[in-house]
Protein backbone atom coordinates (compact mmCIF):
# COMPACT_ATOMS: atom_id res chain seq x y z
CA GLN A 1 0.81 -10.25 10.38
CA VAL A 2 2.17 -7.44 8.28
CA GLN A 3 4.12 -4.57 9.78
CA LEU A 4 3.08 -1.25 8.28
CA VAL A 5 5.34 1.79 8.55
CA LYS A 6 4.61 5.25 7.24
CA SER A 7 7.46 7.63 6.41
CA GLY A 8 6.75 11.28 5.93
CA GLY A 9 4.45 12.43 8.68
CA ASP A 10 0.86 12.05 9.74
CA LEU A 11 -0.56 14.98 7.78
CA VAL A 12 0.51 15.79 4.25
CA GLN A 13 -0.38 18.81 2.18
CA PRO A 14 -1.77 18.34 -1.31
CA GLY A 15 1.08 17.71 -3.69
CA GLY A 16 3.19 16.14 -1.00
CA SER A 17 4.68 12.66 -0.74
CA LEU A 18 4.66 9.75 1.64
CA ARG A 19 6.15 6.30 1.59
CA LEU A 20 4.52 3.27 3.12
CA SER A 21 6.40 0.10 3.95
CA CYS A 22 4.91 -3.31 4.53
CA ALA A 23 7.12 -5.94 6.12
CA THR A 24 6.01 -9.55 6.17
CA PRO A 25 8.40 -11.55 8.34
CA GLY A 26 8.11 -15.27 8.55
CA ILE A 27 6.74 -16.02 5.10
CA ALA A 28 8.17 -16.96 1.71
CA PHE A 29 7.73 -13.36 0.60
CA SER A 30 9.38 -13.63 -2.80
CA VAL A 31 6.81 -16.03 -4.22
CA TYR A 32 3.80 -13.86 -3.50
CA THR A 33 2.10 -10.98 -5.22
CA MET A 34 1.90 -8.05 -2.80
CA GLY A 35 -1.06 -5.71 -2.88
CA TRP A 36 -1.85 -2.28 -1.50
CA TYR A 37 -5.39 -1.32 -0.63
CA ARG A 38 -7.15 1.63 0.92
CA GLN A 39 -10.44 2.48 2.52
CA ALA A 40 -11.70 6.03 2.50
CA PRO A 41 -14.27 7.19 5.04
CA GLY A 42 -17.70 5.84 4.18
CA LYS A 43 -16.38 3.70 1.33
CA GLN A 44 -15.43 0.10 0.83
CA ARG A 45 -11.83 -1.05 0.82
CA GLU A 46 -10.39 -0.90 -2.68
CA TRP A 47 -7.35 -2.29 -4.42
CA ILE A 48 -4.91 0.35 -5.61
CA ALA A 49 -1.75 -1.44 -6.69
CA ASP A 50 0.06 -4.74 -6.74
CA ILE A 51 3.41 -6.18 -7.65
CA THR A 52 3.90 -9.76 -8.69
CA SER A 53 6.71 -12.08 -7.70
CA ASP A 54 8.52 -11.26 -10.94
CA GLY A 55 8.16 -7.52 -10.40
CA SER A 56 5.27 -6.72 -12.72
CA THR A 57 3.23 -3.81 -11.40
CA HIS A 58 -0.40 -2.83 -11.78
CA TYR A 59 -2.21 0.29 -10.64
CA GLU A 60 -5.73 1.49 -10.22
CA ASP A 61 -6.38 4.38 -12.58
CA SER A 62 -6.72 7.04 -9.89
CA VAL A 63 -3.18 6.45 -8.62
CA LYS A 64 -1.46 5.58 -11.88
CA GLY A 65 1.43 7.93 -12.56
CA ARG A 66 1.50 9.16 -8.95
CA PHE A 67 2.08 6.05 -6.85
CA ILE A 68 4.92 3.59 -7.25
CA ILE A 69 4.85 0.08 -5.82
CA SER A 70 8.08 -1.81 -5.29
CA ARG A 71 9.46 -4.70 -3.32
CA ASP A 72 12.67 -5.85 -1.66
CA ASN A 73 12.60 -9.61 -1.43
CA ALA A 74 15.67 -9.75 0.81
CA LYS A 75 13.91 -7.56 3.36
CA LYS A 76 10.54 -9.22 2.78
CA THR A 77 9.09 -5.76 2.40
CA ALA A 78 6.83 -4.03 -0.08
CA TYR A 79 6.71 -0.28 -0.54
CA LEU A 80 4.24 2.25 -1.80
CA GLN A 81 5.73 5.60 -2.76
CA MET A 82 2.89 8.09 -2.96
CA ASN A 83 3.58 11.33 -4.82
CA SER A 84 1.41 14.27 -5.84
CA LEU A 85 -1.01 13.39 -3.09
CA LYS A 86 -4.55 14.67 -3.30
CA PRO A 87 -7.19 15.13 -0.61
CA GLU A 88 -9.10 12.23 -2.16
CA ASP A 89 -6.17 9.98 -1.30
CA THR A 90 -7.10 10.37 2.35
CA ALA A 91 -7.83 6.87 3.62
CA LEU A 92 -6.67 3.99 5.73
CA TYR A 93 -4.03 2.10 3.77
CA TYR A 94 -3.39 -1.60 4.00
CA CYS A 95 -1.15 -4.18 2.44
CA ASN A 96 -1.91 -7.83 1.99
CA ILE A 97 -1.24 -10.85 -0.14
CA PRO A 98 -4.11 -11.67 -2.46
CA LEU A 99 -4.79 -15.38 -2.78
CA ALA A 100 -7.06 -17.35 -5.06
CA ARG A 101 -9.58 -17.17 -2.26
CA GLY A 102 -9.21 -14.36 0.18
CA TYR A 103 -6.04 -12.89 1.58
CA ARG A 104 -3.01 -14.20 3.42
CA PHE A 105 -3.38 -11.95 6.44
CA GLY A 106 -6.08 -10.27 8.44
CA TRP A 107 -6.51 -6.61 7.59
CA GLY A 108 -5.42 -5.17 10.89
CA GLN A 109 -5.78 -1.46 11.61
CA GLY A 110 -4.04 -0.15 8.53
CA THR A 111 -2.19 3.15 8.53
CA GLN A 112 -3.91 6.49 8.17
CA VAL A 113 -2.95 8.82 5.36
CA THR A 114 -4.46 12.29 5.56
CA VAL A 115 -3.97 14.81 2.78
CA SER A 116 -5.14 18.26 3.70
CA SER A 117 -4.09 21.87 3.54
């Protein structure tokens, strides 16, 4: 399973920043694309960003320019730096490895990000 860590507190004010880390011990991390996803209350889980094995990044339009995805292959960890946070970013955040069919891991509980004044 993935190990999610949130740096920056449980409650963030609009305009604030948080960093999420996703460690994936025990797998050949460097060969996989890593994805970040989120699920807001009452909505379906959605893809927000991914980074390929060669470091190419892709973002969903609503987070483009505010979120930065990165990876450290030596640490088998992916990161999501979230800046200029908005209340609509409030959601459960997840990381996973997208496969041709499905995902490498179960979704687990995710980590809660709450943006509120």
